[in-house]
Amino acid sequence: MHEVLEPPEEHEGHEKNPLVMPASVTLAILAVLVAMATLLGHRASTEEILLQSNANDQWAYYQAKNSRSHEMEGVADMLGTLSVVDKEKAEMLREKYTKESERYEREKEQASDKAKEFEEEKGVVGRRGDRFDAAEVLLEIALIICSLTLLTKKRVFWLASIAVGIIGVLVAASGFLLH
């Protein structure tokens, strides 16, 4: 009823090509390395977006503090120039608004410094992501070159894929050295 097929001893041509096993293992290793480089690149991109968002939030906070500071300065200036009935009370209020304005100025500068830190960190993460992306491309090229080994049965493609793969790994590793 059912015919049982026996697996062949070896696929046709494999016994003639000693590079099939090493090239296959190299392909598997390169595929894993491509996946890792891709993951690192995506994570760096996500982190870069989050850092830009944090910087934008700090710049918005800076703008809010700047507006409040100007409001307080305006009120303090008005109290200093208008003629008032209770000069003592007006001077106390003027002093209060001047101090508030100074406080907003300090907070504004802190927000500015924090925003600049986020932007600087974003730049580093962006450069790191660029390294991971470059490594991904190199590892994919190595994968393609290695597959040529199986098609052409030439050792030079296998060795070239290993060399390009090593360069890709070094480029990815250099991303971790950026600070």
N, C-alpha and C. Protein backbone atom coordinates (compact mmCIF):
# COMPACT_ATOMS: atom_id res chain seq x y z
N MET A 1 0.79 -1.17 0.00
CA MET A 1 0.00 0.00 0.00
C MET A 1 0.86 1.26 0.00
N HIS A 2 1.59 1.49 1.09
CA HIS A 2 2.50 2.63 1.16
C HIS A 2 3.90 2.17 0.85
N GLU A 3 4.53 2.95 0.05
CA GLU A 3 5.90 2.62 -0.30
C GLU A 3 6.84 3.34 0.67
N VAL A 4 7.75 2.66 1.25
CA VAL A 4 8.70 3.23 2.19
C VAL A 4 9.95 3.63 1.41
N LEU A 5 10.26 4.88 1.53
CA LEU A 5 11.45 5.37 0.85
C LEU A 5 12.62 5.36 1.82
N GLU A 6 13.69 4.83 1.37
CA GLU A 6 14.90 4.81 2.17
C GLU A 6 15.68 6.09 1.91
N PRO A 7 16.17 6.73 2.97
CA PRO A 7 16.97 7.94 2.73
C PRO A 7 18.26 7.58 2.00
N PRO A 8 18.65 8.43 1.07
CA PRO A 8 19.91 8.14 0.38
C PRO A 8 21.07 8.29 1.35
N GLU A 9 22.13 7.59 1.06
CA GLU A 9 23.32 7.66 1.92
C GLU A 9 23.82 9.10 2.04
N GLU A 10 23.92 9.74 0.90
CA GLU A 10 24.34 11.14 0.86
C GLU A 10 23.70 11.78 -0.34
N HIS A 11 23.44 13.09 -0.23
CA HIS A 11 22.90 13.79 -1.39
C HIS A 11 23.92 13.75 -2.51
N GLU A 12 23.41 13.80 -3.69
CA GLU A 12 24.28 13.73 -4.85
C GLU A 12 25.25 14.91 -4.87
N GLY A 13 26.47 14.63 -5.01
CA GLY A 13 27.49 15.66 -5.11
C GLY A 13 28.16 16.00 -3.78
N HIS A 14 27.56 15.64 -2.66
CA HIS A 14 28.16 15.98 -1.37
C HIS A 14 29.47 15.24 -1.15
N GLU A 15 29.50 14.00 -1.61
CA GLU A 15 30.73 13.24 -1.40
C GLU A 15 31.88 13.83 -2.20
N LYS A 16 31.54 14.61 -3.21
CA LYS A 16 32.57 15.24 -4.05
C LYS A 16 32.95 16.62 -3.53
N ASN A 17 32.20 17.17 -2.58
CA ASN A 17 32.46 18.53 -2.10
C ASN A 17 32.70 18.51 -0.60
N PRO A 18 33.96 18.53 -0.20
CA PRO A 18 34.26 18.51 1.24
C PRO A 18 33.92 19.82 1.95
N LEU A 19 33.54 20.85 1.21
CA LEU A 19 33.22 22.15 1.81
C LEU A 19 31.78 22.27 2.26
N VAL A 20 30.95 21.26 1.97
CA VAL A 20 29.53 21.37 2.31
C VAL A 20 29.35 21.52 3.82
N MET A 21 29.96 20.69 4.60
CA MET A 21 29.78 20.75 6.05
C MET A 21 30.35 22.03 6.66
N PRO A 22 31.62 22.39 6.36
CA PRO A 22 32.13 23.64 6.96
C PRO A 22 31.36 24.87 6.49
N ALA A 23 30.97 24.91 5.22
CA ALA A 23 30.22 26.05 4.72
C ALA A 23 28.84 26.12 5.37
N SER A 24 28.22 24.98 5.57
CA SER A 24 26.91 24.95 6.22
C SER A 24 26.98 25.44 7.65
N VAL A 25 28.00 25.01 8.37
CA VAL A 25 28.19 25.47 9.75
C VAL A 25 28.48 26.97 9.76
N THR A 26 29.29 27.43 8.83
CA THR A 26 29.60 28.85 8.73
C THR A 26 28.34 29.65 8.43
N LEU A 27 27.51 29.15 7.54
CA LEU A 27 26.23 29.81 7.24
C LEU A 27 25.37 29.93 8.49
N ALA A 28 25.30 28.87 9.27
CA ALA A 28 24.50 28.90 10.49
C ALA A 28 25.04 29.93 11.48
N ILE A 29 26.34 29.95 11.64
CA ILE A 29 26.96 30.90 12.57
C ILE A 29 26.73 32.34 12.09
N LEU A 30 26.92 32.57 10.79
CA LEU A 30 26.70 33.91 10.24
C LEU A 30 25.24 34.33 10.40
N ALA A 31 24.32 33.40 10.23
CA ALA A 31 22.90 33.74 10.39
C ALA A 31 22.60 34.18 11.82
N VAL A 32 23.20 33.50 12.79
CA VAL A 32 23.01 33.89 14.19
C VAL A 32 23.63 35.28 14.44
N LEU A 33 24.80 35.51 13.88
CA LEU A 33 25.45 36.81 14.07
C LEU A 33 24.66 37.94 13.41
N VAL A 34 24.08 37.66 12.24
CA VAL A 34 23.22 38.67 11.59
C VAL A 34 22.03 39.00 12.50
N ALA A 35 21.43 37.95 13.06
CA ALA A 35 20.28 38.17 13.96
C ALA A 35 20.68 39.02 15.16
N MET A 36 21.84 38.74 15.72
CA MET A 36 22.30 39.50 16.89
C MET A 36 22.57 40.96 16.52
N ALA A 37 23.25 41.18 15.38
CA ALA A 37 23.54 42.55 14.96
C ALA A 37 22.24 43.31 14.67
N THR A 38 21.28 42.63 14.08
CA THR A 38 19.98 43.25 13.79
C THR A 38 19.29 43.65 15.08
N LEU A 39 19.28 42.76 16.04
CA LEU A 39 18.66 43.05 17.34
C LEU A 39 19.34 44.23 18.03
N LEU A 40 20.66 44.24 18.02
CA LEU A 40 21.39 45.35 18.64
C LEU A 40 21.09 46.68 17.93
N GLY A 41 21.01 46.63 16.61
CA GLY A 41 20.69 47.84 15.85
C GLY A 41 19.29 48.35 16.16
N HIS A 42 18.33 47.44 16.26
CA HIS A 42 16.95 47.85 16.59
C HIS A 42 16.87 48.42 18.00
N ARG A 43 17.56 47.80 18.92
CA ARG A 43 17.54 48.31 20.31
C ARG A 43 18.19 49.68 20.40
N ALA A 44 19.27 49.88 19.66
CA ALA A 44 19.92 51.19 19.67
C ALA A 44 18.98 52.24 19.07
N SER A 45 18.27 51.88 18.01
CA SER A 45 17.33 52.83 17.40
C SER A 45 16.21 53.19 18.37
N THR A 46 15.70 52.20 19.08
CA THR A 46 14.64 52.45 20.06
C THR A 46 15.15 53.35 21.18
N GLU A 47 16.35 53.06 21.66
CA GLU A 47 16.93 53.88 22.72
C GLU A 47 17.16 55.32 22.24
N GLU A 48 17.57 55.45 20.99
CA GLU A 48 17.80 56.78 20.42
C GLU A 48 16.49 57.58 20.38
N ILE A 49 15.41 56.93 20.00
CA ILE A 49 14.10 57.59 19.95
C ILE A 49 13.67 58.01 21.35
N LEU A 50 13.86 57.15 22.32
CA LEU A 50 13.48 57.48 23.70
C LEU A 50 14.31 58.65 24.24
N LEU A 51 15.58 58.66 23.94
CA LEU A 51 16.43 59.77 24.40
C LEU A 51 16.03 61.08 23.74
N GLN A 52 15.66 61.03 22.46
CA GLN A 52 15.21 62.25 21.79
C GLN A 52 13.91 62.74 22.41
N SER A 53 13.04 61.82 22.76
CA SER A 53 11.78 62.17 23.41
C SER A 53 12.05 62.84 24.76
N ASN A 54 12.99 62.27 25.52
CA ASN A 54 13.35 62.87 26.81
C ASN A 54 13.94 64.26 26.63
N ALA A 55 14.78 64.42 25.61
CA ALA A 55 15.37 65.75 25.34
C ALA A 55 14.27 66.74 24.97
N ASN A 56 13.33 66.31 24.14
CA ASN A 56 12.21 67.19 23.76
C ASN A 56 11.40 67.60 24.99
N ASP A 57 11.16 66.64 25.90
CA ASP A 57 10.43 66.95 27.13
C ASP A 57 11.18 68.00 27.96
N GLN A 58 12.49 67.86 28.03
CA GLN A 58 13.29 68.81 28.81
C GLN A 58 13.27 70.20 28.16
N TRP A 59 13.29 70.23 26.82
CA TRP A 59 13.23 71.54 26.15
C TRP A 59 11.87 72.18 26.36
N ALA A 60 10.81 71.39 26.39
CA ALA A 60 9.47 71.94 26.67
C ALA A 60 9.43 72.48 28.10
N TYR A 61 10.03 71.75 29.03
CA TYR A 61 10.11 72.18 30.43
C TYR A 61 10.91 73.49 30.51
N TYR A 62 11.99 73.56 29.75
CA TYR A 62 12.82 74.77 29.68
C TYR A 62 11.97 75.96 29.22
N GLN A 63 11.19 75.75 28.17
CA GLN A 63 10.35 76.81 27.63
C GLN A 63 9.32 77.27 28.67
N ALA A 64 8.74 76.31 29.38
CA ALA A 64 7.75 76.66 30.40
C ALA A 64 8.40 77.50 31.50
N LYS A 65 9.57 77.10 31.94
CA LYS A 65 10.29 77.85 32.98
C LYS A 65 10.68 79.24 32.47
N ASN A 66 11.06 79.31 31.22
CA ASN A 66 11.43 80.59 30.63
C ASN A 66 10.22 81.53 30.60
N SER A 67 9.07 81.01 30.21
CA SER A 67 7.86 81.83 30.18
C SER A 67 7.49 82.32 31.57
N ARG A 68 7.54 81.42 32.54
CA ARG A 68 7.21 81.81 33.91
C ARG A 68 8.21 82.85 34.44
N SER A 69 9.46 82.69 34.11
CA SER A 69 10.47 83.65 34.55
C SER A 69 10.17 85.04 33.99
N HIS A 70 9.82 85.08 32.71
CA HIS A 70 9.49 86.38 32.10
C HIS A 70 8.24 86.99 32.72
N GLU A 71 7.28 86.15 33.03
CA GLU A 71 6.06 86.66 33.69
C GLU A 71 6.41 87.29 35.04
N MET A 72 7.23 86.59 35.81
CA MET A 72 7.61 87.09 37.14
C MET A 72 8.42 88.38 37.02
N GLU A 73 9.31 88.44 36.04
CA GLU A 73 10.09 89.66 35.82
C GLU A 73 9.16 90.83 35.47
N GLY A 74 8.17 90.54 34.62
CA GLY A 74 7.22 91.59 34.22
C GLY A 74 6.44 92.12 35.40
N VAL A 75 5.97 91.22 36.25
CA VAL A 75 5.21 91.65 37.43
C VAL A 75 6.12 92.44 38.37
N ALA A 76 7.34 91.97 38.57
CA ALA A 76 8.28 92.68 39.45
C ALA A 76 8.60 94.06 38.88
N ASP A 77 8.77 94.15 37.58
CA ASP A 77 9.04 95.46 36.95
C ASP A 77 7.86 96.40 37.12
N MET A 78 6.65 95.86 36.93
CA MET A 78 5.47 96.72 37.09
C MET A 78 5.36 97.23 38.51
N LEU A 79 5.62 96.34 39.47
CA LEU A 79 5.52 96.78 40.87
C LEU A 79 6.58 97.82 41.20
N GLY A 80 7.70 97.80 40.51
CA GLY A 80 8.77 98.77 40.76
C GLY A 80 8.52 100.11 40.10
N THR A 81 7.68 100.14 39.10
CA THR A 81 7.50 101.40 38.36
C THR A 81 6.15 102.07 38.60
N LEU A 82 5.16 101.31 39.00
CA LEU A 82 3.83 101.90 39.22
C LEU A 82 3.78 102.60 40.57
N SER A 83 2.96 103.62 40.65
CA SER A 83 2.78 104.27 41.94
C SER A 83 1.71 103.48 42.70
N VAL A 84 2.07 103.13 43.91
CA VAL A 84 1.17 102.30 44.72
C VAL A 84 0.85 103.01 46.03
N VAL A 85 -0.23 102.55 46.63
CA VAL A 85 -0.66 103.14 47.90
C VAL A 85 0.23 102.62 49.03
N ASP A 86 0.45 101.30 49.06
CA ASP A 86 1.23 100.68 50.13
C ASP A 86 2.60 100.30 49.57
N LYS A 87 3.57 101.20 49.71
CA LYS A 87 4.89 100.99 49.13
C LYS A 87 5.62 99.80 49.76
N GLU A 88 5.44 99.58 51.05
CA GLU A 88 6.09 98.47 51.73
C GLU A 88 5.62 97.14 51.16
N LYS A 89 4.31 97.02 51.05
CA LYS A 89 3.73 95.79 50.53
C LYS A 89 4.14 95.58 49.06
N ALA A 90 4.15 96.65 48.30
CA ALA A 90 4.56 96.56 46.90
C ALA A 90 6.00 96.11 46.78
N GLU A 91 6.87 96.62 47.66
CA GLU A 91 8.29 96.23 47.63
C GLU A 91 8.45 94.76 48.02
N MET A 92 7.65 94.29 49.00
CA MET A 92 7.70 92.88 49.40
C MET A 92 7.27 91.99 48.22
N LEU A 93 6.21 92.38 47.56
CA LEU A 93 5.74 91.60 46.41
C LEU A 93 6.76 91.63 45.27
N ARG A 94 7.34 92.79 45.07
CA ARG A 94 8.36 92.91 44.01
C ARG A 94 9.53 91.98 44.32
N GLU A 95 9.97 91.97 45.56
CA GLU A 95 11.06 91.09 45.98
C GLU A 95 10.67 89.62 45.79
N LYS A 96 9.43 89.28 46.16
CA LYS A 96 8.94 87.91 46.01
C LYS A 96 8.98 87.48 44.53
N TYR A 97 8.47 88.34 43.66
CA TYR A 97 8.44 88.00 42.23
C TYR A 97 9.84 87.96 41.63
N THR A 98 10.73 88.79 42.11
CA THR A 98 12.11 88.76 41.64
C THR A 98 12.77 87.44 42.02
N LYS A 99 12.54 86.99 43.26
CA LYS A 99 13.09 85.70 43.70
C LYS A 99 12.49 84.54 42.89
N GLU A 100 11.20 84.61 42.62
CA GLU A 100 10.55 83.58 41.81
C GLU A 100 11.17 83.55 40.41
N SER A 101 11.40 84.71 39.86
CA SER A 101 12.01 84.79 38.53
C SER A 101 13.40 84.17 38.54
N GLU A 102 14.17 84.46 39.57
CA GLU A 102 15.51 83.87 39.70
C GLU A 102 15.45 82.35 39.84
N ARG A 103 14.46 81.87 40.61
CA ARG A 103 14.29 80.43 40.77
C ARG A 103 13.97 79.78 39.42
N TYR A 104 13.07 80.40 38.66
CA TYR A 104 12.72 79.86 37.34
C TYR A 104 13.94 79.87 36.41
N GLU A 105 14.76 80.87 36.53
CA GLU A 105 15.97 80.94 35.71
C GLU A 105 16.91 79.77 36.04
N ARG A 106 17.08 79.49 37.35
CA ARG A 106 17.93 78.35 37.74
C ARG A 106 17.35 77.04 37.22
N GLU A 107 16.04 76.85 37.40
CA GLU A 107 15.39 75.62 36.94
C GLU A 107 15.45 75.50 35.43
N LYS A 108 15.36 76.62 34.77
CA LYS A 108 15.44 76.65 33.30
C LYS A 108 16.82 76.16 32.85
N GLU A 109 17.85 76.64 33.52
CA GLU A 109 19.22 76.23 33.16
C GLU A 109 19.43 74.74 33.44
N GLN A 110 18.86 74.25 34.54
CA GLN A 110 18.96 72.81 34.83
C GLN A 110 18.28 71.99 33.75
N ALA A 111 17.12 72.44 33.30
CA ALA A 111 16.40 71.73 32.24
C ALA A 111 17.21 71.76 30.95
N SER A 112 17.83 72.88 30.67
CA SER A 112 18.67 73.00 29.47
C SER A 112 19.85 72.04 29.54
N ASP A 113 20.51 71.99 30.69
CA ASP A 113 21.64 71.08 30.85
C ASP A 113 21.21 69.62 30.68
N LYS A 114 20.07 69.28 31.26
CA LYS A 114 19.57 67.91 31.16
C LYS A 114 19.21 67.57 29.71
N ALA A 115 18.59 68.49 29.01
CA ALA A 115 18.23 68.28 27.60
C ALA A 115 19.49 68.06 26.76
N LYS A 116 20.53 68.85 27.03
CA LYS A 116 21.79 68.70 26.30
C LYS A 116 22.44 67.34 26.59
N GLU A 117 22.33 66.88 27.84
CA GLU A 117 22.86 65.55 28.19
C GLU A 117 22.12 64.47 27.41
N PHE A 118 20.79 64.56 27.35
CA PHE A 118 20.02 63.58 26.58
C PHE A 118 20.42 63.60 25.11
N GLU A 119 20.62 64.80 24.56
CA GLU A 119 20.99 64.91 23.16
C GLU A 119 22.38 64.33 22.91
N GLU A 120 23.29 64.57 23.84
CA GLU A 120 24.64 64.02 23.71
C GLU A 120 24.60 62.49 23.77
N GLU A 121 23.86 61.96 24.73
CA GLU A 121 23.73 60.50 24.86
C GLU A 121 23.05 59.92 23.61
N LYS A 122 22.07 60.63 23.08
CA LYS A 122 21.39 60.19 21.85
C LYS A 122 22.38 60.10 20.70
N GLY A 123 23.30 61.04 20.63
CA GLY A 123 24.32 61.02 19.59
C GLY A 123 25.21 59.79 19.69
N VAL A 124 25.61 59.46 20.90
CA VAL A 124 26.44 58.27 21.11
C VAL A 124 25.67 57.01 20.74
N VAL A 125 24.43 56.92 21.18
CA VAL A 125 23.62 55.75 20.88
C VAL A 125 23.37 55.66 19.37
N GLY A 126 23.20 56.80 18.72
CA GLY A 126 23.02 56.81 17.26
C GLY A 126 24.25 56.27 16.54
N ARG A 127 25.43 56.71 16.99
CA ARG A 127 26.67 56.21 16.38
C ARG A 127 26.82 54.71 16.64
N ARG A 128 26.44 54.28 17.84
CA ARG A 128 26.50 52.86 18.18
C ARG A 128 25.55 52.07 17.26
N GLY A 129 24.36 52.59 17.07
CA GLY A 129 23.39 51.94 16.18
C GLY A 129 23.90 51.86 14.74
N ASP A 130 24.60 52.92 14.31
CA ASP A 130 25.19 52.90 12.97
C ASP A 130 26.21 51.78 12.83
N ARG A 131 26.99 51.56 13.87
CA ARG A 131 27.98 50.46 13.85
C ARG A 131 27.27 49.11 13.75
N PHE A 132 26.21 48.95 14.54
CA PHE A 132 25.47 47.68 14.50
C PHE A 132 24.83 47.46 13.14
N ASP A 133 24.32 48.52 12.54
CA ASP A 133 23.72 48.42 11.21
C ASP A 133 24.77 48.06 10.16
N ALA A 134 25.94 48.67 10.26
CA ALA A 134 27.03 48.35 9.33
C ALA A 134 27.47 46.90 9.50
N ALA A 135 27.54 46.47 10.75
CA ALA A 135 27.92 45.08 11.03
C ALA A 135 26.89 44.12 10.42
N GLU A 136 25.62 44.48 10.54
CA GLU A 136 24.56 43.65 9.96
C GLU A 136 24.75 43.50 8.45
N VAL A 137 25.05 44.60 7.78
CA VAL A 137 25.26 44.55 6.33
C VAL A 137 26.46 43.67 6.00
N LEU A 138 27.56 43.85 6.71
CA LEU A 138 28.75 43.05 6.45
C LEU A 138 28.48 41.56 6.69
N LEU A 139 27.76 41.25 7.74
CA LEU A 139 27.47 39.84 8.03
C LEU A 139 26.52 39.24 7.00
N GLU A 140 25.61 40.05 6.49
CA GLU A 140 24.73 39.55 5.42
C GLU A 140 25.53 39.31 4.14
N ILE A 141 26.48 40.19 3.86
CA ILE A 141 27.35 39.98 2.69
C ILE A 141 28.15 38.70 2.87
N ALA A 142 28.67 38.49 4.08
CA ALA A 142 29.42 37.26 4.36
C ALA A 142 28.54 36.04 4.16
N LEU A 143 27.30 36.14 4.56
CA LEU A 143 26.34 35.04 4.38
C LEU A 143 26.17 34.71 2.90
N ILE A 144 26.03 35.73 2.08
CA ILE A 144 25.86 35.53 0.64
C ILE A 144 27.13 34.94 0.03
N ILE A 145 28.27 35.47 0.41
CA ILE A 145 29.54 34.94 -0.12
C ILE A 145 29.69 33.47 0.27
N CYS A 146 29.33 33.15 1.50
CA CYS A 146 29.45 31.76 1.96
C CYS A 146 28.52 30.84 1.16
N SER A 147 27.34 31.32 0.83
CA SER A 147 26.43 30.48 0.05
C SER A 147 26.99 30.21 -1.35
N LEU A 148 27.85 31.10 -1.85
CA LEU A 148 28.50 30.86 -3.14
C LEU A 148 29.43 29.65 -3.07
N THR A 149 29.93 29.37 -1.87
CA THR A 149 30.78 28.20 -1.68
C THR A 149 30.03 26.93 -2.07
N LEU A 150 28.79 26.83 -1.67
CA LEU A 150 27.99 25.64 -1.96
C LEU A 150 27.65 25.55 -3.45
N LEU A 151 27.50 26.71 -4.09
CA LEU A 151 27.16 26.71 -5.51
C LEU A 151 28.37 26.45 -6.40
N THR A 152 29.50 27.04 -6.04
CA THR A 152 30.68 26.95 -6.90
C THR A 152 31.67 25.87 -6.47
N LYS A 153 31.54 25.41 -5.23
CA LYS A 153 32.46 24.41 -4.66
C LYS A 153 33.90 24.94 -4.61
N LYS A 154 34.02 26.27 -4.42
CA LYS A 154 35.35 26.89 -4.34
C LYS A 154 35.61 27.37 -2.93
N ARG A 155 36.74 26.97 -2.42
CA ARG A 155 37.15 27.29 -1.05
C ARG A 155 37.35 28.80 -0.84
N VAL A 156 37.73 29.52 -1.87
CA VAL A 156 38.02 30.95 -1.75
C VAL A 156 36.78 31.71 -1.25
N PHE A 157 35.59 31.29 -1.68
CA PHE A 157 34.37 31.97 -1.21
C PHE A 157 34.14 31.70 0.28
N TRP A 158 34.42 30.50 0.71
CA TRP A 158 34.25 30.16 2.13
C TRP A 158 35.21 31.01 2.98
N LEU A 159 36.48 31.09 2.54
CA LEU A 159 37.47 31.87 3.29
C LEU A 159 37.13 33.37 3.25
N ALA A 160 36.66 33.84 2.10
CA ALA A 160 36.28 35.26 2.00
C ALA A 160 35.10 35.56 2.92
N SER A 161 34.15 34.63 3.02
CA SER A 161 32.99 34.86 3.89
C SER A 161 33.42 34.92 5.35
N ILE A 162 34.37 34.08 5.70
CA ILE A 162 34.89 34.11 7.08
C ILE A 162 35.57 35.45 7.35
N ALA A 163 36.37 35.93 6.40
CA ALA A 163 37.07 37.21 6.57
C ALA A 163 36.06 38.36 6.71
N VAL A 164 35.07 38.42 5.83
CA VAL A 164 34.07 39.49 5.89
C VAL A 164 33.26 39.36 7.18
N GLY A 165 32.96 38.13 7.59
CA GLY A 165 32.23 37.90 8.84
C GLY A 165 33.01 38.41 10.05
N ILE A 166 34.31 38.17 10.05
CA ILE A 166 35.15 38.65 11.16
C ILE A 166 35.14 40.19 11.20
N ILE A 167 35.23 40.79 10.03
CA ILE A 167 35.17 42.27 9.97
C ILE A 167 33.83 42.75 10.52
N GLY A 168 32.76 42.07 10.15
CA GLY A 168 31.42 42.43 10.65
C GLY A 168 31.34 42.33 12.17
N VAL A 169 31.90 41.28 12.72
CA VAL A 169 31.89 41.10 14.17
C VAL A 169 32.71 42.20 14.85
N LEU A 170 33.84 42.55 14.25
CA LEU A 170 34.68 43.62 14.82
C LEU A 170 33.96 44.97 14.77
N VAL A 171 33.26 45.23 13.68
CA VAL A 171 32.50 46.48 13.57
C VAL A 171 31.41 46.52 14.65
N ALA A 172 30.72 45.39 14.84
CA ALA A 172 29.68 45.33 15.89
C ALA A 172 30.30 45.54 17.27
N ALA A 173 31.44 44.89 17.51
CA ALA A 173 32.11 45.02 18.81
C ALA A 173 32.54 46.46 19.04
N SER A 174 32.93 47.17 17.99
CA SER A 174 33.37 48.55 18.15
C SER A 174 32.21 49.44 18.61
N GLY A 175 30.98 49.02 18.34
CA GLY A 175 29.82 49.77 18.81
C GLY A 175 29.74 49.80 20.33
N PHE A 176 30.21 48.74 20.96
CA PHE A 176 30.17 48.68 22.43
C PHE A 176 31.26 49.56 23.05
N LEU A 177 32.24 49.95 22.27
CA LEU A 177 33.33 50.76 22.80
C LEU A 177 33.02 52.25 22.79
N LEU A 178 31.92 52.64 22.11
CA LEU A 178 31.55 54.07 22.06
C LEU A 178 30.91 54.49 23.37
N HIS A 179 31.40 55.59 23.92
CA HIS A 179 30.83 56.12 25.17
C HIS A 179 30.67 57.61 25.07
